[in-house]
N, C-alpha and C. Protein backbone atom coordinates (compact mmCIF):
# COMPACT_ATOMS: atom_id res chain seq x y z
N MET A 1 -23.92 6.34 -40.33
CA MET A 1 -24.02 7.59 -39.64
C MET A 1 -24.85 7.38 -38.38
N ILE A 2 -24.51 8.13 -37.35
CA ILE A 2 -25.25 8.04 -36.10
C ILE A 2 -25.32 9.42 -35.45
N ASP A 3 -26.45 9.72 -34.88
CA ASP A 3 -26.63 10.96 -34.16
C ASP A 3 -25.84 10.87 -32.84
N VAL A 4 -25.27 11.98 -32.42
CA VAL A 4 -24.45 12.00 -31.21
C VAL A 4 -25.25 11.54 -29.99
N ARG A 5 -26.55 11.83 -29.96
CA ARG A 5 -27.37 11.39 -28.82
C ARG A 5 -27.47 9.87 -28.78
N ASP A 6 -27.57 9.25 -29.94
CA ASP A 6 -27.60 7.79 -30.00
C ASP A 6 -26.25 7.19 -29.62
N ALA A 7 -25.17 7.83 -30.07
CA ALA A 7 -23.84 7.35 -29.71
C ALA A 7 -23.64 7.42 -28.20
N ALA A 8 -24.08 8.52 -27.58
CA ALA A 8 -23.97 8.67 -26.13
C ALA A 8 -24.81 7.61 -25.42
N LEU A 9 -26.00 7.34 -25.93
CA LEU A 9 -26.86 6.31 -25.34
C LEU A 9 -26.18 4.95 -25.41
N ALA A 10 -25.60 4.62 -26.56
CA ALA A 10 -24.92 3.33 -26.71
C ALA A 10 -23.78 3.20 -25.70
N LEU A 11 -22.99 4.25 -25.56
CA LEU A 11 -21.88 4.21 -24.60
C LEU A 11 -22.39 4.07 -23.17
N ARG A 12 -23.48 4.78 -22.84
CA ARG A 12 -24.06 4.67 -21.49
C ARG A 12 -24.54 3.25 -21.23
N LEU A 13 -25.24 2.65 -22.20
CA LEU A 13 -25.73 1.30 -22.04
C LEU A 13 -24.59 0.30 -21.88
N LEU A 14 -23.51 0.50 -22.62
CA LEU A 14 -22.34 -0.37 -22.46
C LEU A 14 -21.76 -0.23 -21.06
N GLY A 15 -21.69 1.01 -20.57
CA GLY A 15 -21.16 1.25 -19.23
C GLY A 15 -22.04 0.67 -18.14
N GLN A 16 -23.33 0.60 -18.37
CA GLN A 16 -24.26 0.10 -17.37
C GLN A 16 -24.49 -1.40 -17.46
N ALA A 17 -24.07 -2.01 -18.56
CA ALA A 17 -24.31 -3.44 -18.75
C ALA A 17 -23.59 -4.24 -17.67
N GLU A 18 -24.32 -5.16 -17.07
CA GLU A 18 -23.74 -5.95 -16.00
C GLU A 18 -22.84 -7.06 -16.53
N ARG A 19 -23.21 -7.61 -17.65
CA ARG A 19 -22.45 -8.72 -18.17
C ARG A 19 -22.27 -8.56 -19.67
N LEU A 20 -21.06 -8.23 -20.08
CA LEU A 20 -20.77 -8.12 -21.50
C LEU A 20 -20.02 -9.36 -21.94
N THR A 21 -20.02 -9.61 -23.22
CA THR A 21 -19.43 -10.83 -23.76
C THR A 21 -17.92 -10.75 -23.96
N GLY A 22 -17.34 -9.57 -23.78
CA GLY A 22 -15.91 -9.40 -24.02
C GLY A 22 -15.58 -9.17 -25.48
N ARG A 23 -16.58 -8.99 -26.30
CA ARG A 23 -16.32 -8.74 -27.72
C ARG A 23 -16.26 -7.24 -27.98
N GLU A 24 -15.85 -6.91 -29.18
CA GLU A 24 -15.81 -5.50 -29.58
C GLU A 24 -17.17 -5.12 -30.14
N TYR A 25 -17.54 -3.85 -29.92
CA TYR A 25 -18.84 -3.37 -30.37
C TYR A 25 -18.66 -2.23 -31.35
N TYR A 26 -19.44 -2.28 -32.41
CA TYR A 26 -19.50 -1.16 -33.34
C TYR A 26 -20.66 -0.28 -32.88
N ILE A 27 -20.40 1.01 -32.73
CA ILE A 27 -21.45 1.94 -32.36
C ILE A 27 -21.82 2.73 -33.60
N GLY A 28 -23.01 2.50 -34.08
CA GLY A 28 -23.48 3.17 -35.28
C GLY A 28 -24.97 2.99 -35.42
N SER A 29 -25.49 3.38 -36.56
CA SER A 29 -26.92 3.31 -36.79
C SER A 29 -27.38 1.91 -37.19
N GLY A 30 -26.44 1.09 -37.64
CA GLY A 30 -26.81 -0.22 -38.16
C GLY A 30 -27.27 -0.17 -39.60
N ARG A 31 -27.17 1.01 -40.22
CA ARG A 31 -27.59 1.20 -41.61
C ARG A 31 -26.38 1.55 -42.47
N ALA A 32 -25.58 0.57 -42.77
CA ALA A 32 -24.39 0.81 -43.58
C ALA A 32 -24.77 0.98 -45.04
N LYS A 33 -24.20 2.03 -45.64
CA LYS A 33 -24.38 2.25 -47.08
C LYS A 33 -23.28 3.19 -47.53
N PRO A 34 -23.04 3.27 -48.83
CA PRO A 34 -21.98 4.14 -49.35
C PRO A 34 -22.21 5.60 -48.96
N LEU A 35 -21.13 6.33 -48.76
CA LEU A 35 -21.19 7.72 -48.34
C LEU A 35 -22.03 8.57 -49.30
N ARG A 36 -21.93 8.30 -50.59
CA ARG A 36 -22.71 9.07 -51.56
C ARG A 36 -24.20 8.99 -51.25
N GLU A 37 -24.67 7.83 -50.77
CA GLU A 37 -26.09 7.69 -50.44
C GLU A 37 -26.47 8.54 -49.23
N TRP A 38 -25.53 8.72 -48.27
CA TRP A 38 -25.80 9.59 -47.13
C TRP A 38 -25.92 11.05 -47.59
N PHE A 39 -25.06 11.44 -48.54
CA PHE A 39 -25.14 12.81 -49.08
C PHE A 39 -26.47 13.04 -49.79
N ILE A 40 -26.90 12.07 -50.57
CA ILE A 40 -28.17 12.19 -51.28
C ILE A 40 -29.32 12.26 -50.28
N GLU A 41 -29.28 11.44 -49.24
CA GLU A 41 -30.33 11.45 -48.22
C GLU A 41 -30.35 12.80 -47.48
N ALA A 42 -29.17 13.36 -47.20
CA ALA A 42 -29.11 14.66 -46.53
C ALA A 42 -29.71 15.74 -47.42
N ARG A 43 -29.39 15.70 -48.70
CA ARG A 43 -29.95 16.68 -49.63
C ARG A 43 -31.47 16.57 -49.67
N GLU A 44 -31.98 15.35 -49.70
CA GLU A 44 -33.44 15.15 -49.72
C GLU A 44 -34.07 15.62 -48.41
N ALA A 45 -33.42 15.34 -47.28
CA ALA A 45 -33.95 15.75 -45.97
C ALA A 45 -34.05 17.26 -45.89
N LEU A 46 -33.11 17.95 -46.50
CA LEU A 46 -33.11 19.41 -46.48
C LEU A 46 -34.04 20.00 -47.55
N GLY A 47 -34.54 19.16 -48.44
CA GLY A 47 -35.46 19.63 -49.46
C GLY A 47 -34.80 20.57 -50.45
N THR A 48 -33.56 20.30 -50.76
CA THR A 48 -32.83 21.17 -51.68
C THR A 48 -32.44 20.38 -52.92
N GLU A 49 -32.17 21.10 -53.96
CA GLU A 49 -31.70 20.49 -55.21
C GLU A 49 -30.21 20.77 -55.42
N ALA A 50 -29.50 21.01 -54.33
CA ALA A 50 -28.07 21.32 -54.42
C ALA A 50 -27.35 20.24 -55.24
N ALA A 51 -26.48 20.70 -56.11
CA ALA A 51 -25.72 19.78 -56.96
C ALA A 51 -24.72 19.00 -56.11
N LEU A 52 -24.64 17.72 -56.40
CA LEU A 52 -23.64 16.86 -55.76
C LEU A 52 -22.75 16.32 -56.86
N ALA A 53 -21.47 16.35 -56.63
CA ALA A 53 -20.52 15.87 -57.65
C ALA A 53 -19.84 14.61 -57.14
N PHE A 54 -20.11 13.52 -57.83
CA PHE A 54 -19.48 12.25 -57.49
C PHE A 54 -18.59 11.81 -58.64
N ASP A 55 -17.67 10.92 -58.34
CA ASP A 55 -16.79 10.33 -59.35
C ASP A 55 -15.88 11.34 -60.03
N LYS A 56 -15.57 12.43 -59.34
CA LYS A 56 -14.65 13.44 -59.89
C LYS A 56 -13.20 13.07 -59.60
N ARG A 57 -13.01 12.21 -58.62
CA ARG A 57 -11.66 11.77 -58.26
C ARG A 57 -11.54 10.28 -58.58
N PRO A 58 -10.33 9.81 -58.81
CA PRO A 58 -10.17 8.38 -59.10
C PRO A 58 -10.57 7.53 -57.89
N ASP A 59 -11.03 6.34 -58.16
CA ASP A 59 -11.39 5.37 -57.12
C ASP A 59 -10.17 5.09 -56.26
N ASP A 60 -10.33 5.18 -54.93
CA ASP A 60 -9.20 4.96 -54.04
C ASP A 60 -8.97 3.49 -53.74
N GLY A 61 -9.87 2.63 -54.21
CA GLY A 61 -9.69 1.20 -54.03
C GLY A 61 -10.15 0.67 -52.68
N LEU A 62 -10.55 1.55 -51.79
CA LEU A 62 -11.01 1.09 -50.47
C LEU A 62 -12.35 0.39 -50.60
N ARG A 63 -12.47 -0.75 -49.97
CA ARG A 63 -13.73 -1.49 -49.97
C ARG A 63 -14.08 -1.81 -48.52
N PHE A 64 -15.34 -1.66 -48.21
CA PHE A 64 -15.81 -1.93 -46.87
C PHE A 64 -16.83 -3.05 -46.91
N ASP A 65 -16.82 -3.86 -45.90
CA ASP A 65 -17.77 -4.95 -45.78
C ASP A 65 -18.88 -4.50 -44.83
N LYS A 66 -20.13 -4.61 -45.24
CA LYS A 66 -21.24 -4.16 -44.39
C LYS A 66 -21.22 -4.85 -43.03
N SER A 67 -20.68 -6.04 -42.95
CA SER A 67 -20.65 -6.75 -41.66
C SER A 67 -19.79 -6.01 -40.64
N TRP A 68 -18.86 -5.16 -41.08
CA TRP A 68 -18.04 -4.39 -40.14
C TRP A 68 -18.89 -3.41 -39.35
N PHE A 69 -20.04 -3.04 -39.88
CA PHE A 69 -20.90 -2.03 -39.28
C PHE A 69 -22.13 -2.63 -38.59
N ASP A 70 -22.06 -3.92 -38.33
CA ASP A 70 -23.17 -4.65 -37.71
C ASP A 70 -23.28 -4.29 -36.23
N ILE A 71 -24.46 -3.87 -35.80
CA ILE A 71 -24.66 -3.51 -34.39
C ILE A 71 -25.43 -4.58 -33.62
N SER A 72 -25.60 -5.76 -34.20
CA SER A 72 -26.40 -6.79 -33.53
C SER A 72 -25.83 -7.20 -32.17
N ALA A 73 -24.51 -7.24 -32.01
CA ALA A 73 -23.93 -7.58 -30.71
C ALA A 73 -24.26 -6.50 -29.68
N LEU A 74 -24.19 -5.26 -30.10
CA LEU A 74 -24.53 -4.15 -29.22
C LEU A 74 -26.01 -4.21 -28.84
N GLU A 75 -26.87 -4.50 -29.81
CA GLU A 75 -28.30 -4.63 -29.54
C GLU A 75 -28.57 -5.78 -28.57
N THR A 76 -27.94 -6.92 -28.82
CA THR A 76 -28.16 -8.11 -27.99
C THR A 76 -27.67 -7.92 -26.57
N ASP A 77 -26.49 -7.35 -26.42
CA ASP A 77 -25.86 -7.26 -25.09
C ASP A 77 -26.32 -6.07 -24.27
N THR A 78 -26.91 -5.04 -24.92
CA THR A 78 -27.31 -3.84 -24.17
C THR A 78 -28.75 -3.42 -24.39
N GLY A 79 -29.38 -3.93 -25.44
CA GLY A 79 -30.72 -3.49 -25.80
C GLY A 79 -30.73 -2.21 -26.61
N PHE A 80 -29.56 -1.74 -27.02
CA PHE A 80 -29.46 -0.50 -27.78
C PHE A 80 -30.19 -0.59 -29.11
N MET A 81 -30.93 0.47 -29.41
CA MET A 81 -31.54 0.67 -30.73
C MET A 81 -31.45 2.16 -31.02
N PRO A 82 -30.93 2.55 -32.19
CA PRO A 82 -30.87 3.97 -32.53
C PRO A 82 -32.26 4.59 -32.49
N ARG A 83 -32.35 5.82 -31.99
CA ARG A 83 -33.65 6.50 -31.85
C ARG A 83 -33.82 7.68 -32.79
N VAL A 84 -32.72 8.30 -33.21
CA VAL A 84 -32.79 9.53 -34.01
C VAL A 84 -32.48 9.19 -35.47
N SER A 85 -33.44 9.45 -36.35
CA SER A 85 -33.22 9.17 -37.77
C SER A 85 -32.19 10.14 -38.35
N PHE A 86 -31.57 9.73 -39.42
CA PHE A 86 -30.59 10.57 -40.09
C PHE A 86 -31.22 11.87 -40.56
N SER A 87 -32.41 11.79 -41.16
CA SER A 87 -33.05 13.01 -41.67
C SER A 87 -33.40 13.96 -40.53
N THR A 88 -33.82 13.45 -39.38
CA THR A 88 -34.09 14.30 -38.23
C THR A 88 -32.82 14.99 -37.77
N ALA A 89 -31.73 14.24 -37.68
CA ALA A 89 -30.45 14.82 -37.25
C ALA A 89 -29.99 15.90 -38.23
N VAL A 90 -30.14 15.65 -39.53
CA VAL A 90 -29.73 16.64 -40.54
C VAL A 90 -30.56 17.91 -40.40
N ASN A 91 -31.85 17.76 -40.25
CA ASN A 91 -32.72 18.94 -40.13
C ASN A 91 -32.46 19.71 -38.84
N GLU A 92 -32.22 19.02 -37.74
CA GLU A 92 -31.90 19.70 -36.49
C GLU A 92 -30.58 20.46 -36.60
N LEU A 93 -29.61 19.85 -37.29
CA LEU A 93 -28.33 20.53 -37.50
C LEU A 93 -28.53 21.78 -38.36
N ALA A 94 -29.33 21.66 -39.41
CA ALA A 94 -29.60 22.81 -40.27
C ALA A 94 -30.28 23.93 -39.48
N ASP A 95 -31.24 23.57 -38.64
CA ASP A 95 -31.92 24.58 -37.80
C ASP A 95 -30.93 25.27 -36.88
N TRP A 96 -30.06 24.49 -36.26
CA TRP A 96 -29.06 25.03 -35.34
C TRP A 96 -28.11 25.97 -36.08
N LEU A 97 -27.66 25.54 -37.27
CA LEU A 97 -26.76 26.38 -38.06
C LEU A 97 -27.43 27.68 -38.46
N ASN A 98 -28.70 27.63 -38.83
CA ASN A 98 -29.44 28.85 -39.19
C ASN A 98 -29.49 29.82 -38.02
N LYS A 99 -29.68 29.31 -36.83
CA LYS A 99 -29.72 30.17 -35.65
C LYS A 99 -28.34 30.76 -35.36
N LYS A 100 -27.29 29.95 -35.53
CA LYS A 100 -25.93 30.42 -35.26
C LYS A 100 -25.44 31.40 -36.33
N ILE A 101 -25.67 31.04 -37.58
CA ILE A 101 -25.18 31.85 -38.70
C ILE A 101 -26.15 33.00 -39.00
N GLY A 102 -27.44 32.69 -38.89
CA GLY A 102 -28.45 33.70 -39.13
C GLY A 102 -28.64 34.07 -40.58
N SER A 103 -28.10 33.29 -41.49
CA SER A 103 -28.17 33.65 -42.90
C SER A 103 -29.31 33.00 -43.64
N GLY A 104 -29.95 32.01 -43.01
CA GLY A 104 -31.00 31.29 -43.73
C GLY A 104 -30.44 30.36 -44.78
N LEU A 105 -29.17 30.05 -44.67
CA LEU A 105 -28.49 29.21 -45.66
C LEU A 105 -29.18 27.86 -45.85
N TYR A 106 -29.75 27.33 -44.77
CA TYR A 106 -30.34 26.00 -44.83
C TYR A 106 -31.84 26.04 -44.67
N ASP A 107 -32.51 27.04 -45.20
CA ASP A 107 -33.95 27.19 -45.03
C ASP A 107 -34.77 26.34 -45.99
N ASN A 108 -34.18 25.51 -46.81
CA ASN A 108 -34.92 24.78 -47.82
C ASN A 108 -35.61 23.53 -47.30
N HIS A 109 -35.56 23.26 -46.03
CA HIS A 109 -36.20 22.02 -45.54
C HIS A 109 -37.53 22.30 -44.88
């Protein structure tokens, strides 16, 4: 997962780079982990005990290699380092939603 501000920064740095290696770059946080762990981290960031349901559907068989999400080439060629933590992004989104919706739905953080 990556905050949109970090994604924009990575793209800007790529656009400004004088000499790139000609390789492909993955733009992300550099913290690859299963989606379920992101959901758990979001729940913790919001300070809620909301129920999460995993393993309710059959395994789809998809497997991902953490090396696919490696940002070391991006870091080396542009100096990019993510600045916004996942929990900060989740909390800022919750605050924004509360202002838009006005229901206090995400007030548990």
